């Protein structure tokens, strides 16, 4: 079997299946129960006061 033909058949079947399963896994992980609070916290990062992250009580 020629190398190109083998790689093409592999990509058309198993790699496509693996990529689809990975995509579905990422979607299920993002929408899993209990992740809402984490996503809400992450969405507020751009709106936080910069002095909060300094860890010295807000003094610059």
N, C-alpha and C. Protein backbone atom coordinates (compact mmCIF):
# COMPACT_ATOMS: atom_id res chain seq x y z
N UNK A 1 0.84 -1.17 0.00
CA UNK A 1 0.00 0.00 0.00
C UNK A 1 0.89 1.24 0.00
N UNK A 2 0.56 2.16 -0.80
CA UNK A 2 1.32 3.41 -0.91
C UNK A 2 1.11 4.25 0.35
N UNK A 3 2.13 4.99 0.75
CA UNK A 3 2.07 5.77 1.99
C UNK A 3 0.94 6.79 1.96
N UNK A 4 0.79 7.49 0.84
CA UNK A 4 -0.26 8.50 0.75
C UNK A 4 -1.64 7.87 0.90
N UNK A 5 -1.87 6.76 0.26
CA UNK A 5 -3.15 6.08 0.33
C UNK A 5 -3.45 5.64 1.76
N UNK A 6 -2.43 5.11 2.43
CA UNK A 6 -2.61 4.68 3.81
C UNK A 6 -2.95 5.86 4.72
N UNK A 7 -2.21 6.96 4.61
CA UNK A 7 -2.46 8.12 5.44
C UNK A 7 -3.82 8.74 5.14
N UNK A 8 -4.21 8.74 3.88
CA UNK A 8 -5.52 9.28 3.51
C UNK A 8 -6.64 8.44 4.10
N UNK A 9 -6.52 7.14 4.06
CA UNK A 9 -7.53 6.26 4.63
C UNK A 9 -7.58 6.41 6.16
N UNK A 10 -6.42 6.56 6.78
CA UNK A 10 -6.36 6.76 8.22
C UNK A 10 -7.04 8.06 8.62
N UNK A 11 -6.74 9.13 7.89
CA UNK A 11 -7.34 10.43 8.19
C UNK A 11 -8.84 10.43 7.95
N UNK A 12 -9.28 9.72 6.93
CA UNK A 12 -10.71 9.68 6.62
C UNK A 12 -11.51 8.88 7.63
N UNK A 13 -10.87 8.03 8.39
CA UNK A 13 -11.64 7.19 9.30
C UNK A 13 -11.29 7.45 10.76
N UNK A 14 -10.15 6.97 11.22
CA UNK A 14 -9.84 6.99 12.64
C UNK A 14 -9.50 8.38 13.16
N UNK A 15 -8.78 9.15 12.39
CA UNK A 15 -8.43 10.50 12.87
C UNK A 15 -9.69 11.37 12.93
N UNK A 16 -10.57 11.23 11.96
CA UNK A 16 -11.82 11.97 11.99
C UNK A 16 -12.65 11.57 13.21
N UNK A 17 -12.70 10.29 13.50
CA UNK A 17 -13.43 9.81 14.67
C UNK A 17 -12.81 10.36 15.95
N UNK A 18 -11.48 10.33 16.05
CA UNK A 18 -10.79 10.83 17.24
C UNK A 18 -11.03 12.33 17.43
N UNK A 19 -10.97 13.10 16.37
CA UNK A 19 -11.20 14.54 16.46
C UNK A 19 -12.64 14.84 16.87
N UNK A 20 -13.58 14.07 16.36
CA UNK A 20 -14.98 14.26 16.71
C UNK A 20 -15.21 13.95 18.19
N UNK A 21 -14.63 12.86 18.67
CA UNK A 21 -14.77 12.51 20.08
C UNK A 21 -14.10 13.55 20.98
N UNK A 22 -12.95 14.07 20.57
CA UNK A 22 -12.29 15.12 21.33
C UNK A 22 -13.16 16.37 21.40
N UNK A 23 -13.73 16.77 20.27
CA UNK A 23 -14.60 17.94 20.22
C UNK A 23 -15.80 17.76 21.15
N UNK A 24 -16.45 16.61 21.08
CA UNK A 24 -17.60 16.36 21.94
C UNK A 24 -17.20 16.33 23.41
N UNK A 25 -16.02 15.80 23.70
CA UNK A 25 -15.53 15.79 25.07
C UNK A 25 -15.31 17.19 25.62
N UNK A 26 -14.75 18.08 24.80
CA UNK A 26 -14.52 19.46 25.22
C UNK A 26 -15.85 20.16 25.47
N UNK A 27 -16.82 19.94 24.60
CA UNK A 27 -18.14 20.55 24.77
C UNK A 27 -18.80 20.04 26.06
N UNK A 28 -18.75 18.73 26.28
CA UNK A 28 -19.34 18.18 27.49
C UNK A 28 -18.62 18.68 28.74
N UNK A 29 -17.30 18.84 28.68
CA UNK A 29 -16.54 19.33 29.82
C UNK A 29 -16.91 20.79 30.12
N UNK A 30 -17.09 21.60 29.09
CA UNK A 30 -17.42 23.02 29.29
C UNK A 30 -18.82 23.19 29.88
N UNK A 31 -19.74 22.33 29.53
CA UNK A 31 -21.12 22.45 30.00
C UNK A 31 -21.45 21.46 31.12
N UNK A 32 -20.44 20.93 31.78
CA UNK A 32 -20.70 19.97 32.85
C UNK A 32 -21.36 20.68 34.04
N UNK A 33 -22.13 19.94 34.83
CA UNK A 33 -22.75 20.54 36.00
C UNK A 33 -21.68 21.03 36.99
N UNK A 34 -21.91 22.16 37.59
CA UNK A 34 -20.97 22.68 38.58
C UNK A 34 -19.91 23.60 38.02
N UNK A 35 -19.85 23.77 36.71
CA UNK A 35 -18.81 24.64 36.15
C UNK A 35 -19.30 26.07 35.96
N UNK A 36 -20.56 26.32 36.23
CA UNK A 36 -21.12 27.66 36.02
C UNK A 36 -20.40 28.70 36.89
N UNK A 37 -20.16 28.37 38.16
CA UNK A 37 -19.51 29.33 39.05
C UNK A 37 -18.11 29.67 38.56
N UNK A 38 -17.37 28.66 38.11
CA UNK A 38 -16.02 28.89 37.60
C UNK A 38 -16.06 29.80 36.37
N UNK A 39 -17.00 29.55 35.46
CA UNK A 39 -17.10 30.38 34.26
C UNK A 39 -17.53 31.81 34.59
N UNK A 40 -18.40 31.96 35.59
CA UNK A 40 -18.80 33.30 36.02
C UNK A 40 -17.61 34.06 36.60
N UNK A 41 -16.79 33.39 37.41
CA UNK A 41 -15.60 34.03 37.98
C UNK A 41 -14.62 34.43 36.88
N UNK A 42 -14.40 33.55 35.94
CA UNK A 42 -13.47 33.84 34.84
C UNK A 42 -13.97 35.00 33.99
N UNK A 43 -15.29 35.09 33.80
CA UNK A 43 -15.83 36.16 32.96
C UNK A 43 -15.68 37.53 33.62
N UNK A 44 -15.47 37.56 34.94
CA UNK A 44 -15.33 38.83 35.65
C UNK A 44 -13.89 39.32 35.73
N UNK A 45 -12.94 38.55 35.26
CA UNK A 45 -11.53 38.94 35.35
C UNK A 45 -11.25 40.30 34.72
N UNK A 46 -11.75 40.60 33.51
CA UNK A 46 -11.44 41.91 32.93
C UNK A 46 -12.04 43.08 33.69
N UNK A 47 -13.04 42.84 34.51
CA UNK A 47 -13.73 43.91 35.22
C UNK A 47 -13.19 44.14 36.63
N UNK A 48 -12.28 43.28 37.08
CA UNK A 48 -11.73 43.42 38.43
C UNK A 48 -10.83 44.64 38.53
N UNK A 49 -10.74 45.16 39.73
CA UNK A 49 -9.83 46.27 40.01
C UNK A 49 -8.40 45.73 40.01
N UNK A 50 -7.50 46.43 39.36
CA UNK A 50 -6.11 45.96 39.26
C UNK A 50 -5.43 45.87 40.62
N UNK A 51 -5.84 46.68 41.58
CA UNK A 51 -5.18 46.66 42.88
C UNK A 51 -5.50 45.39 43.66
N UNK A 52 -6.59 44.71 43.32
CA UNK A 52 -6.94 43.45 44.01
C UNK A 52 -5.85 42.41 43.80
N UNK A 53 -5.30 42.35 42.60
CA UNK A 53 -4.36 41.29 42.28
C UNK A 53 -2.96 41.56 42.81
N UNK A 54 -2.70 42.72 43.36
CA UNK A 54 -1.36 43.02 43.87
C UNK A 54 -1.09 42.34 45.19
N UNK A 55 -2.11 42.06 45.97
CA UNK A 55 -1.95 41.34 47.22
C UNK A 55 -1.38 42.15 48.35
N UNK A 56 -1.33 43.46 48.20
CA UNK A 56 -0.80 44.29 49.29
C UNK A 56 -1.83 45.30 49.77
N UNK A 57 -3.09 44.93 49.75
CA UNK A 57 -4.13 45.78 50.31
C UNK A 57 -4.49 46.97 49.45
N UNK A 58 -4.11 46.97 48.22
CA UNK A 58 -4.49 48.07 47.34
C UNK A 58 -3.45 49.18 47.22
N UNK A 59 -2.39 49.13 47.99
CA UNK A 59 -1.36 50.16 47.90
C UNK A 59 -0.48 49.89 46.70
N UNK A 60 -0.16 50.94 46.00
CA UNK A 60 0.68 50.79 44.80
C UNK A 60 2.12 51.14 45.11
